[in-house]
């Protein structure tokens, strides 16, 4: 188990398998570390990530359609890195980091400030995990 100490000093335990899957999902996503850093400070809307806006804000390398941006965001929710923001009327189109997401962000910021490139095996395993989740 891996222990995390958030700012409020409560320990959260994650299995190494959970952390490995989350790391792989982040590395395989089309997003840059800057997006996750912004999500640490405040919620980020889908409109800010999709299209030219995402490139201008250094969230993505290339413009993504809303669907191409939302699908990996939903996968990052599934693996525990992100959560959807909620307001008084329900779920919004904005996203924030979870404690697990914060841990990974801090790790990669301290190791050079960018996400490591995923290996071919990482991409294959991540795709297989996503496919199995939807089909079984």
N, C-alpha and C. Protein backbone atom coordinates (compact mmCIF):
# COMPACT_ATOMS: atom_id res chain seq x y z
N UNK A 1 0.84 -1.18 0.00
CA UNK A 1 0.00 0.00 0.00
C UNK A 1 0.88 1.25 0.00
N UNK A 2 0.40 2.27 -0.66
CA UNK A 2 1.10 3.54 -0.71
C UNK A 2 0.29 4.54 0.10
N UNK A 3 0.97 5.26 0.98
CA UNK A 3 0.30 6.21 1.85
C UNK A 3 0.53 7.63 1.35
N UNK A 4 -0.52 8.42 1.36
CA UNK A 4 -0.44 9.82 0.95
C UNK A 4 -0.81 10.67 2.14
N UNK A 5 -0.09 11.75 2.36
CA UNK A 5 -0.44 12.69 3.41
C UNK A 5 -0.88 14.00 2.78
N UNK A 6 -2.19 14.20 2.62
CA UNK A 6 -2.67 15.47 2.10
C UNK A 6 -2.37 16.61 3.07
N UNK A 7 -2.66 17.83 2.67
CA UNK A 7 -2.38 19.00 3.49
C UNK A 7 -3.05 18.94 4.85
N UNK A 8 -4.19 18.27 4.96
CA UNK A 8 -4.87 18.20 6.25
C UNK A 8 -4.34 17.06 7.11
N UNK A 9 -3.27 16.40 6.67
CA UNK A 9 -2.54 15.37 7.42
C UNK A 9 -3.32 14.08 7.66
N UNK A 10 -4.41 13.83 6.99
CA UNK A 10 -5.10 12.55 7.06
C UNK A 10 -4.46 11.64 6.03
N UNK A 11 -4.13 10.43 6.41
CA UNK A 11 -3.46 9.50 5.51
C UNK A 11 -4.47 8.76 4.64
N UNK A 12 -4.19 8.70 3.36
CA UNK A 12 -5.02 7.95 2.43
C UNK A 12 -4.16 6.83 1.86
N UNK A 13 -4.66 5.62 1.91
CA UNK A 13 -3.91 4.46 1.44
C UNK A 13 -4.40 4.02 0.07
N UNK A 14 -3.48 3.84 -0.88
CA UNK A 14 -3.79 3.32 -2.21
C UNK A 14 -2.92 2.10 -2.45
N UNK A 15 -3.48 1.09 -3.08
CA UNK A 15 -2.68 -0.07 -3.43
C UNK A 15 -1.72 0.31 -4.55
N UNK A 16 -0.62 -0.41 -4.65
CA UNK A 16 0.34 -0.12 -5.72
C UNK A 16 -0.30 -0.34 -7.08
N UNK A 17 -1.21 -1.28 -7.18
CA UNK A 17 -1.90 -1.54 -8.45
C UNK A 17 -2.77 -0.34 -8.86
N UNK A 18 -3.44 0.27 -7.90
CA UNK A 18 -4.25 1.45 -8.17
C UNK A 18 -3.38 2.60 -8.65
N UNK A 19 -2.26 2.82 -7.98
CA UNK A 19 -1.35 3.91 -8.35
C UNK A 19 -0.76 3.66 -9.74
N UNK A 20 -0.35 2.43 -10.02
CA UNK A 20 0.22 2.11 -11.34
C UNK A 20 -0.80 2.34 -12.45
N UNK A 21 -2.04 1.92 -12.23
CA UNK A 21 -3.08 2.11 -13.25
C UNK A 21 -3.35 3.60 -13.46
N UNK A 22 -3.38 4.37 -12.38
CA UNK A 22 -3.61 5.81 -12.49
C UNK A 22 -2.45 6.50 -13.20
N UNK A 23 -1.23 6.13 -12.88
CA UNK A 23 -0.06 6.70 -13.56
C UNK A 23 -0.11 6.41 -15.06
N UNK A 24 -0.42 5.19 -15.39
CA UNK A 24 -0.48 4.79 -16.80
C UNK A 24 -1.58 5.57 -17.53
N UNK A 25 -2.73 5.74 -16.89
CA UNK A 25 -3.84 6.48 -17.51
C UNK A 25 -3.45 7.94 -17.75
N UNK A 26 -2.76 8.55 -16.80
CA UNK A 26 -2.32 9.94 -16.99
C UNK A 26 -1.31 10.04 -18.12
N UNK A 27 -0.34 9.14 -18.14
CA UNK A 27 0.69 9.18 -19.19
C UNK A 27 0.08 8.97 -20.57
N UNK A 28 -0.94 8.14 -20.66
CA UNK A 28 -1.56 7.82 -21.96
C UNK A 28 -2.62 8.84 -22.38
N UNK A 29 -2.97 9.74 -21.51
CA UNK A 29 -4.00 10.73 -21.86
C UNK A 29 -3.41 11.77 -22.82
N UNK A 30 -4.27 12.48 -23.54
CA UNK A 30 -3.79 13.51 -24.48
C UNK A 30 -3.48 14.84 -23.79
N UNK A 31 -3.41 14.84 -22.47
CA UNK A 31 -3.27 16.09 -21.72
C UNK A 31 -1.86 16.30 -21.20
N UNK A 32 -1.51 17.57 -21.02
CA UNK A 32 -0.22 17.94 -20.46
C UNK A 32 -0.35 18.15 -18.96
N UNK A 33 0.78 18.16 -18.28
CA UNK A 33 0.79 18.33 -16.83
C UNK A 33 0.16 19.66 -16.41
N UNK A 34 0.25 20.67 -17.27
CA UNK A 34 -0.32 21.99 -16.96
C UNK A 34 -1.83 21.90 -16.68
N UNK A 35 -2.53 21.03 -17.39
CA UNK A 35 -3.97 20.87 -17.14
C UNK A 35 -4.20 20.39 -15.71
N UNK A 36 -3.45 19.39 -15.29
CA UNK A 36 -3.63 18.84 -13.95
C UNK A 36 -3.22 19.86 -12.88
N UNK A 37 -2.19 20.66 -13.17
CA UNK A 37 -1.79 21.72 -12.23
C UNK A 37 -2.91 22.75 -12.10
N UNK A 38 -3.56 23.09 -13.20
CA UNK A 38 -4.70 24.02 -13.14
C UNK A 38 -5.85 23.42 -12.36
N UNK A 39 -6.08 22.12 -12.52
CA UNK A 39 -7.16 21.45 -11.80
C UNK A 39 -6.89 21.37 -10.30
N UNK A 40 -5.63 21.47 -9.92
CA UNK A 40 -5.30 21.48 -8.50
C UNK A 40 -5.76 22.79 -7.86
N UNK A 41 -5.64 23.89 -8.61
CA UNK A 41 -6.01 25.21 -8.10
C UNK A 41 -7.52 25.46 -8.14
N UNK A 42 -8.16 25.05 -9.23
CA UNK A 42 -9.61 25.26 -9.37
C UNK A 42 -10.15 24.30 -10.42
N UNK A 43 -11.46 24.25 -10.53
CA UNK A 43 -12.05 23.36 -11.53
C UNK A 43 -11.80 23.93 -12.92
N UNK A 44 -11.68 23.03 -13.91
CA UNK A 44 -11.44 23.42 -15.30
C UNK A 44 -12.59 22.85 -16.12
N UNK A 45 -13.20 23.71 -16.93
CA UNK A 45 -14.35 23.28 -17.72
C UNK A 45 -13.91 22.57 -18.99
N UNK A 46 -14.79 21.76 -19.52
CA UNK A 46 -14.53 21.04 -20.77
C UNK A 46 -14.27 22.03 -21.90
N UNK A 47 -14.97 23.15 -21.92
CA UNK A 47 -14.76 24.16 -22.96
C UNK A 47 -13.36 24.75 -22.92
N UNK A 48 -12.75 24.82 -21.74
CA UNK A 48 -11.39 25.34 -21.63
C UNK A 48 -10.36 24.33 -22.13
N UNK A 49 -10.73 23.05 -22.17
CA UNK A 49 -9.81 21.99 -22.59
C UNK A 49 -9.93 21.70 -24.08
N UNK A 50 -11.15 21.69 -24.58
CA UNK A 50 -11.40 21.32 -25.98
C UNK A 50 -11.05 22.47 -26.93
N UNK A 51 -10.76 22.12 -28.17
CA UNK A 51 -10.50 23.10 -29.22
C UNK A 51 -9.19 23.83 -29.05
N UNK A 52 -9.11 25.00 -29.68
CA UNK A 52 -7.90 25.82 -29.64
C UNK A 52 -7.60 26.32 -28.23
N UNK A 53 -8.63 26.46 -27.42
CA UNK A 53 -8.45 26.93 -26.05
C UNK A 53 -7.50 26.03 -25.26
N UNK A 54 -7.63 24.73 -25.44
CA UNK A 54 -6.76 23.79 -24.75
C UNK A 54 -5.30 23.92 -25.15
N UNK A 55 -5.06 24.19 -26.43
CA UNK A 55 -3.69 24.37 -26.92
C UNK A 55 -3.12 25.68 -26.38
N UNK A 56 -3.91 26.76 -26.43
CA UNK A 56 -3.45 28.07 -25.97
C UNK A 56 -3.10 28.06 -24.48
N UNK A 57 -3.85 27.29 -23.70
CA UNK A 57 -3.60 27.23 -22.26
C UNK A 57 -2.59 26.16 -21.89
N UNK A 58 -1.99 25.52 -22.88
CA UNK A 58 -0.98 24.48 -22.69
C UNK A 58 -1.54 23.25 -21.99
N UNK A 59 -2.82 22.94 -22.25
CA UNK A 59 -3.45 21.75 -21.70
C UNK A 59 -3.28 20.55 -22.62
N UNK A 60 -3.18 20.81 -23.93
CA UNK A 60 -3.04 19.74 -24.93
C UNK A 60 -2.02 20.16 -25.99
N UNK A 61 -1.52 19.18 -26.72
CA UNK A 61 -0.58 19.47 -27.82
C UNK A 61 -1.29 19.90 -29.09
N UNK A 62 -2.51 19.41 -29.26
CA UNK A 62 -3.27 19.72 -30.48
C UNK A 62 -4.72 19.92 -30.08
N UNK A 63 -5.48 20.63 -30.91
CA UNK A 63 -6.90 20.84 -30.59
C UNK A 63 -7.67 19.51 -30.55
N UNK A 64 -8.51 19.37 -29.55
CA UNK A 64 -9.34 18.18 -29.40
C UNK A 64 -10.81 18.58 -29.48
N UNK A 65 -11.61 17.75 -30.13
CA UNK A 65 -13.05 17.98 -30.11
C UNK A 65 -13.54 17.75 -28.68
N UNK A 66 -14.76 18.19 -28.39
CA UNK A 66 -15.30 17.95 -27.05
C UNK A 66 -15.34 16.47 -26.72
N UNK A 67 -15.76 15.65 -27.69
CA UNK A 67 -15.82 14.21 -27.47
C UNK A 67 -14.42 13.62 -27.24
N UNK A 68 -13.45 14.07 -28.03
CA UNK A 68 -12.07 13.57 -27.89
C UNK A 68 -11.44 14.02 -26.57
N UNK A 69 -11.92 15.10 -26.00
CA UNK A 69 -11.43 15.55 -24.70
C UNK A 69 -12.19 14.88 -23.56
N UNK A 70 -13.50 14.74 -23.72
CA UNK A 70 -14.32 14.21 -22.63
C UNK A 70 -14.07 12.73 -22.37
N UNK A 71 -13.86 11.95 -23.40
CA UNK A 71 -13.66 10.51 -23.22
C UNK A 71 -12.47 10.20 -22.30
N UNK A 72 -11.28 10.76 -22.54
CA UNK A 72 -10.19 10.47 -21.60
C UNK A 72 -10.40 11.10 -20.23
N UNK A 73 -11.12 12.22 -20.15
CA UNK A 73 -11.43 12.79 -18.84
C UNK A 73 -12.30 11.82 -18.03
N UNK A 74 -13.27 11.20 -18.69
CA UNK A 74 -14.12 10.23 -18.00
C UNK A 74 -13.33 9.00 -17.56
N UNK A 75 -12.35 8.59 -18.37
CA UNK A 75 -11.49 7.47 -17.98
C UNK A 75 -10.66 7.87 -16.76
N UNK A 76 -10.16 9.11 -16.72
CA UNK A 76 -9.39 9.56 -15.56
C UNK A 76 -10.26 9.63 -14.30
N UNK A 77 -11.55 9.85 -14.46
CA UNK A 77 -12.47 9.75 -13.32
C UNK A 77 -12.56 8.30 -12.87
N UNK A 78 -12.71 7.39 -13.83
CA UNK A 78 -12.82 5.95 -13.51
C UNK A 78 -11.62 5.43 -12.73
N UNK A 79 -10.41 5.90 -13.07
CA UNK A 79 -9.22 5.39 -12.39
C UNK A 79 -8.89 6.18 -11.12
N UNK A 80 -9.68 7.21 -10.82
CA UNK A 80 -9.54 7.89 -9.54
C UNK A 80 -8.68 9.14 -9.54
N UNK A 81 -8.33 9.68 -10.70
CA UNK A 81 -7.48 10.86 -10.76
C UNK A 81 -8.29 12.15 -10.70
N UNK A 82 -9.46 12.14 -11.34
CA UNK A 82 -10.31 13.32 -11.41
C UNK A 82 -11.67 13.06 -10.79
N UNK A 83 -12.37 14.15 -10.52
CA UNK A 83 -13.77 14.09 -10.14
C UNK A 83 -14.49 15.21 -10.86
N UNK A 84 -15.77 15.03 -11.07
CA UNK A 84 -16.58 16.07 -11.70
C UNK A 84 -16.98 17.08 -10.64
N UNK A 85 -16.98 18.32 -11.01
CA UNK A 85 -17.40 19.40 -10.11
C UNK A 85 -18.93 19.40 -10.02
N UNK A 86 -19.44 19.68 -8.85
CA UNK A 86 -20.88 19.72 -8.62
C UNK A 86 -21.25 21.10 -8.11
N UNK A 87 -22.35 21.64 -8.62
CA UNK A 87 -22.86 22.91 -8.10
C UNK A 87 -24.25 22.67 -7.51
N UNK A 88 -24.95 23.72 -7.18
CA UNK A 88 -26.26 23.59 -6.56
C UNK A 88 -27.30 22.92 -7.42
N UNK A 89 -27.07 22.86 -8.73
CA UNK A 89 -28.05 22.26 -9.63
C UNK A 89 -27.61 20.89 -10.14
N UNK A 90 -26.49 20.39 -9.69
CA UNK A 90 -26.04 19.07 -10.10
C UNK A 90 -24.64 19.08 -10.67
N UNK A 91 -24.33 18.06 -11.45
CA UNK A 91 -23.00 17.89 -12.04
C UNK A 91 -22.79 18.95 -13.11
N UNK A 92 -21.58 19.50 -13.15
CA UNK A 92 -21.23 20.51 -14.16
C UNK A 92 -20.32 19.87 -15.22
N UNK A 93 -19.83 20.69 -16.14
CA UNK A 93 -18.89 20.19 -17.15
C UNK A 93 -17.45 20.48 -16.74
N UNK A 94 -17.22 20.70 -15.44
CA UNK A 94 -15.88 21.02 -14.93
C UNK A 94 -15.31 19.86 -14.14
N UNK A 95 -13.97 19.83 -14.07
CA UNK A 95 -13.25 18.72 -13.44
C UNK A 95 -12.22 19.26 -12.46
N UNK A 96 -11.93 18.46 -11.42
CA UNK A 96 -10.90 18.77 -10.41
C UNK A 96 -10.11 17.51 -10.11
N UNK A 97 -8.95 17.69 -9.49
CA UNK A 97 -8.13 16.56 -9.08
C UNK A 97 -8.65 15.93 -7.79
N UNK A 98 -8.46 14.64 -7.66
CA UNK A 98 -8.71 13.92 -6.41
C UNK A 98 -7.39 13.89 -5.63
N UNK A 99 -7.39 13.39 -4.40
CA UNK A 99 -6.12 13.25 -3.68
C UNK A 99 -5.10 12.38 -4.43
N UNK A 100 -5.56 11.32 -5.10
CA UNK A 100 -4.64 10.50 -5.90
C UNK A 100 -4.05 11.32 -7.05
N UNK A 101 -4.88 12.10 -7.71
CA UNK A 101 -4.39 12.97 -8.78
C UNK A 101 -3.37 13.97 -8.28
N UNK A 102 -3.60 14.53 -7.09
CA UNK A 102 -2.64 15.47 -6.50
C UNK A 102 -1.31 14.80 -6.23
N UNK A 103 -1.35 13.56 -5.73
CA UNK A 103 -0.12 12.84 -5.44
C UNK A 103 0.70 12.67 -6.72
N UNK A 104 0.06 12.25 -7.79
CA UNK A 104 0.78 12.02 -9.04
C UNK A 104 1.28 13.33 -9.63
N UNK A 105 0.49 14.39 -9.55
CA UNK A 105 0.93 15.70 -10.03
C UNK A 105 2.18 16.14 -9.29
N UNK A 106 2.16 16.06 -7.97
CA UNK A 106 3.32 16.47 -7.17
C UNK A 106 4.55 15.63 -7.51
N UNK A 107 4.36 14.35 -7.72
CA UNK A 107 5.47 13.47 -8.08
C UNK A 107 6.12 13.93 -9.38
N UNK A 108 5.31 14.16 -10.41
CA UNK A 108 5.87 14.52 -11.71
C UNK A 108 6.37 15.96 -11.76
N UNK A 109 5.79 16.85 -10.98
CA UNK A 109 6.31 18.21 -10.91
C UNK A 109 7.70 18.21 -10.28
N UNK A 110 7.91 17.34 -9.30
CA UNK A 110 9.22 17.26 -8.65
C UNK A 110 10.25 16.52 -9.50
N UNK A 111 9.80 15.83 -10.54
CA UNK A 111 10.71 15.07 -11.41
C UNK A 111 10.90 15.73 -12.77
N UNK A 112 10.77 17.03 -12.83
CA UNK A 112 11.04 17.70 -14.09
C UNK A 112 9.89 18.46 -14.69
N UNK A 113 8.71 18.31 -14.17
CA UNK A 113 7.59 19.13 -14.62
C UNK A 113 6.90 18.71 -15.89
N UNK A 114 7.03 17.46 -16.30
CA UNK A 114 6.27 16.98 -17.46
C UNK A 114 5.91 15.52 -17.26
N UNK A 115 4.87 15.11 -17.97
CA UNK A 115 4.46 13.70 -17.90
C UNK A 115 5.45 12.85 -18.68
N UNK A 116 5.87 11.72 -18.13
CA UNK A 116 6.72 10.81 -18.91
C UNK A 116 5.94 10.26 -20.10
N UNK A 117 6.63 10.05 -21.19
CA UNK A 117 5.98 9.48 -22.38
C UNK A 117 5.60 8.03 -22.10
N UNK A 118 4.41 7.62 -22.50
CA UNK A 118 4.01 6.22 -22.29
C UNK A 118 4.72 5.31 -23.29
N UNK A 119 5.01 4.11 -22.84
CA UNK A 119 5.58 3.11 -23.74
C UNK A 119 4.46 2.51 -24.58
N UNK A 120 4.83 1.78 -25.59
CA UNK A 120 3.83 1.09 -26.41
C UNK A 120 3.03 0.11 -25.55
N UNK A 121 3.71 -0.57 -24.64
CA UNK A 121 3.04 -1.50 -23.73
C UNK A 121 2.05 -0.76 -22.81
N UNK A 122 2.45 0.43 -22.34
CA UNK A 122 1.53 1.25 -21.53
C UNK A 122 0.27 1.57 -22.30
N UNK A 123 0.43 2.00 -23.55
CA UNK A 123 -0.72 2.37 -24.38
C UNK A 123 -1.62 1.15 -24.63
N UNK A 124 -1.01 0.01 -24.90
CA UNK A 124 -1.77 -1.20 -25.13
C UNK A 124 -2.55 -1.61 -23.88
N UNK A 125 -1.88 -1.63 -22.75
CA UNK A 125 -2.50 -2.03 -21.50
C UNK A 125 -3.62 -1.06 -21.10
N UNK A 126 -3.38 0.24 -21.28
CA UNK A 126 -4.40 1.25 -20.96
C UNK A 126 -5.62 1.08 -21.86
N UNK A 127 -5.39 0.88 -23.15
CA UNK A 127 -6.50 0.69 -24.09
C UNK A 127 -7.29 -0.57 -23.76
N UNK A 128 -6.58 -1.63 -23.43
CA UNK A 128 -7.24 -2.88 -23.07
C UNK A 128 -8.08 -2.71 -21.79
N UNK A 129 -7.54 -2.00 -20.82
CA UNK A 129 -8.28 -1.75 -19.57
C UNK A 129 -9.55 -0.97 -19.84
N UNK A 130 -9.46 0.05 -20.69
CA UNK A 130 -10.65 0.85 -21.03
C UNK A 130 -11.66 0.01 -21.80
N UNK A 131 -11.19 -0.79 -22.73
CA UNK A 131 -12.09 -1.61 -23.55
C UNK A 131 -12.81 -2.64 -22.68
N UNK A 132 -12.08 -3.30 -21.80
CA UNK A 132 -12.69 -4.31 -20.93
C UNK A 132 -13.71 -3.68 -19.98
N UNK A 133 -13.45 -2.47 -19.56
CA UNK A 133 -14.39 -1.78 -18.67
C UNK A 133 -15.72 -1.56 -19.37
N UNK A 134 -15.70 -1.21 -20.64
CA UNK A 134 -16.94 -0.91 -21.37
C UNK A 134 -17.65 -2.15 -21.90
N UNK A 135 -16.93 -3.25 -22.09
CA UNK A 135 -17.52 -4.40 -22.76
C UNK A 135 -17.88 -5.56 -21.85
N UNK A 136 -17.56 -5.49 -20.58
CA UNK A 136 -17.90 -6.60 -19.69
C UNK A 136 -18.49 -6.11 -18.40
